[in-house]
Amino acid sequence: MTEKDDWRLLNLDGEFLKKAYVNPTDGEEICKYAPQLRYCEFCLEPVQDNPHQWWFLPVNLSCCICEDCFHDFKELFAWKKLDGWDIEWEGKKAFAKKQKECGGSCAE
């Protein structure tokens, strides 16, 4: 288990990640469907367009967690791992487009 004073936690406001449901995915899918996610929220490892680079995403697609950080912090944050089939890439893209069209004041 990782120490609470780990350098990767120093400037992180991780409350939004506590008890989060996370989906496993790979760098290739992130680059294709969520290019705004560029690096690990904890260690800043860059996302690469690679099907062999594993990542974990909260269901709201707010950030990326690299495989190493996921394993290091899964107990501290009490993450609930999903099967990876629950990622709604297209739904999020459509909602983002709708938000942009109406100036960010649209209801979900």
Protein backbone atom coordinates (compact mmCIF):
# COMPACT_ATOMS: atom_id res chain seq x y z
CA MET A 1 0.00 0.00 0.00
CA THR A 2 1.22 3.48 -0.87
CA GLU A 3 1.95 6.10 1.78
CA LYS A 4 -0.44 9.04 2.14
CA ASP A 5 2.51 11.43 1.69
CA ASP A 6 3.44 9.97 -1.72
CA TRP A 7 4.69 12.75 -4.03
CA ARG A 8 1.94 11.93 -6.55
CA LEU A 9 -0.68 13.05 -4.01
CA LEU A 10 0.93 16.38 -3.07
CA ASN A 11 -0.93 18.73 -5.43
CA LEU A 12 -3.95 16.56 -6.08
CA ASP A 13 -7.44 17.36 -4.85
CA GLY A 14 -8.58 13.77 -5.18
CA GLU A 15 -11.90 13.97 -3.36
CA PHE A 16 -13.72 13.58 -6.68
CA LEU A 17 -11.95 10.23 -7.13
CA LYS A 18 -12.85 8.72 -3.74
CA LYS A 19 -14.98 5.58 -4.18
CA ALA A 20 -15.20 6.26 -7.92
CA TYR A 21 -16.26 3.61 -10.41
CA VAL A 22 -13.45 3.21 -12.95
CA ASN A 23 -13.27 1.47 -16.30
CA PRO A 24 -10.12 -0.11 -17.69
CA THR A 25 -9.19 0.90 -21.23
CA ASP A 26 -6.10 1.41 -23.34
CA GLY A 27 -4.20 4.39 -24.69
CA GLU A 28 -5.42 3.80 -28.23
CA GLU A 29 -9.08 4.18 -27.21
CA ILE A 30 -8.34 7.29 -25.16
CA CYS A 31 -6.52 8.94 -28.07
CA LYS A 32 -9.41 8.06 -30.40
CA TYR A 33 -12.42 8.90 -28.23
CA ALA A 34 -11.18 11.27 -25.51
CA PRO A 35 -8.10 13.13 -26.81
CA GLN A 36 -8.56 15.81 -24.14
CA LEU A 37 -7.26 13.26 -21.61
CA ARG A 38 -3.51 13.50 -22.12
CA TYR A 39 -1.82 12.28 -18.95
CA CYS A 40 -2.20 10.44 -15.65
CA GLU A 41 -3.90 12.53 -12.97
CA PHE A 42 -1.31 11.37 -10.43
CA CYS A 43 2.13 10.91 -12.02
CA LEU A 44 1.60 12.85 -15.29
CA GLU A 45 2.60 9.89 -17.48
CA PRO A 46 1.49 10.79 -21.02
CA VAL A 47 -1.23 8.81 -22.76
CA GLN A 48 0.16 7.13 -25.86
CA ASP A 49 -1.75 5.86 -28.88
CA ASN A 50 -0.97 2.27 -27.89
CA PRO A 51 -3.35 -0.67 -27.32
CA HIS A 52 -0.88 -2.16 -24.83
CA GLN A 53 -0.79 0.84 -22.48
CA TRP A 54 -3.51 0.29 -19.84
CA TRP A 55 -5.44 3.10 -18.19
CA PHE A 56 -8.40 3.53 -15.86
CA LEU A 57 -11.07 6.20 -16.33
CA PRO A 58 -13.81 7.32 -13.96
CA VAL A 59 -17.23 6.86 -15.54
CA ASN A 60 -17.55 10.62 -16.05
CA LEU A 61 -14.32 10.61 -18.14
CA SER A 62 -12.88 13.43 -16.02
CA CYS A 63 -9.30 12.13 -15.93
CA CYS A 64 -6.94 9.21 -16.62
CA ILE A 65 -5.19 6.99 -14.12
CA CYS A 66 -2.21 4.98 -15.38
CA GLU A 67 -1.92 1.30 -14.54
CA ASP A 68 0.84 1.79 -11.95
CA CYS A 69 -1.00 4.56 -10.10
CA PHE A 70 -4.23 2.58 -10.22
CA HIS A 71 -2.56 -0.35 -8.45
CA ASP A 72 -0.76 1.93 -5.99
CA PHE A 73 -3.83 3.95 -4.98
CA LYS A 74 -6.81 1.61 -5.48
CA GLU A 75 -7.11 0.85 -1.75
CA LEU A 76 -6.52 4.44 -0.61
CA PHE A 77 -9.28 5.73 -2.93
CA ALA A 78 -11.49 2.62 -2.66
CA TRP A 79 -12.04 2.48 -6.41
CA LYS A 80 -14.60 0.09 -7.83
CA LYS A 81 -13.31 -1.46 -11.03
CA LEU A 82 -15.83 -2.04 -13.80
CA ASP A 83 -15.40 -4.36 -16.78
CA GLY A 84 -14.55 -1.71 -19.40
CA TRP A 85 -17.70 -2.23 -21.43
CA ASP A 86 -19.42 0.62 -19.59
CA ILE A 87 -17.55 3.49 -21.24
CA GLU A 88 -19.96 5.81 -23.02
CA TRP A 89 -17.57 7.50 -25.42
CA GLU A 90 -20.16 8.64 -27.96
CA GLY A 91 -22.67 9.83 -25.38
CA LYS A 92 -20.05 12.09 -23.85
CA LYS A 93 -19.01 13.45 -27.26
CA ALA A 94 -22.62 14.22 -28.16
CA PHE A 95 -23.23 15.95 -24.80
CA ALA A 96 -20.03 18.01 -25.17
CA LYS A 97 -21.10 19.10 -28.66
CA LYS A 98 -24.54 20.07 -27.35
CA GLN A 99 -22.96 22.05 -24.49
CA LYS A 100 -20.72 23.91 -26.94
CA GLU A 101 -23.66 24.74 -29.20
CA CYS A 102 -25.74 26.21 -26.37
CA GLY A 103 -22.89 27.96 -24.60
CA GLY A 104 -22.57 25.49 -21.71
CA SER A 105 -26.02 26.10 -20.23
CA CYS A 106 -27.78 22.98 -21.56
CA ALA A 107 -29.20 20.41 -19.20
CA GLU A 108 -27.88 16.84 -19.43
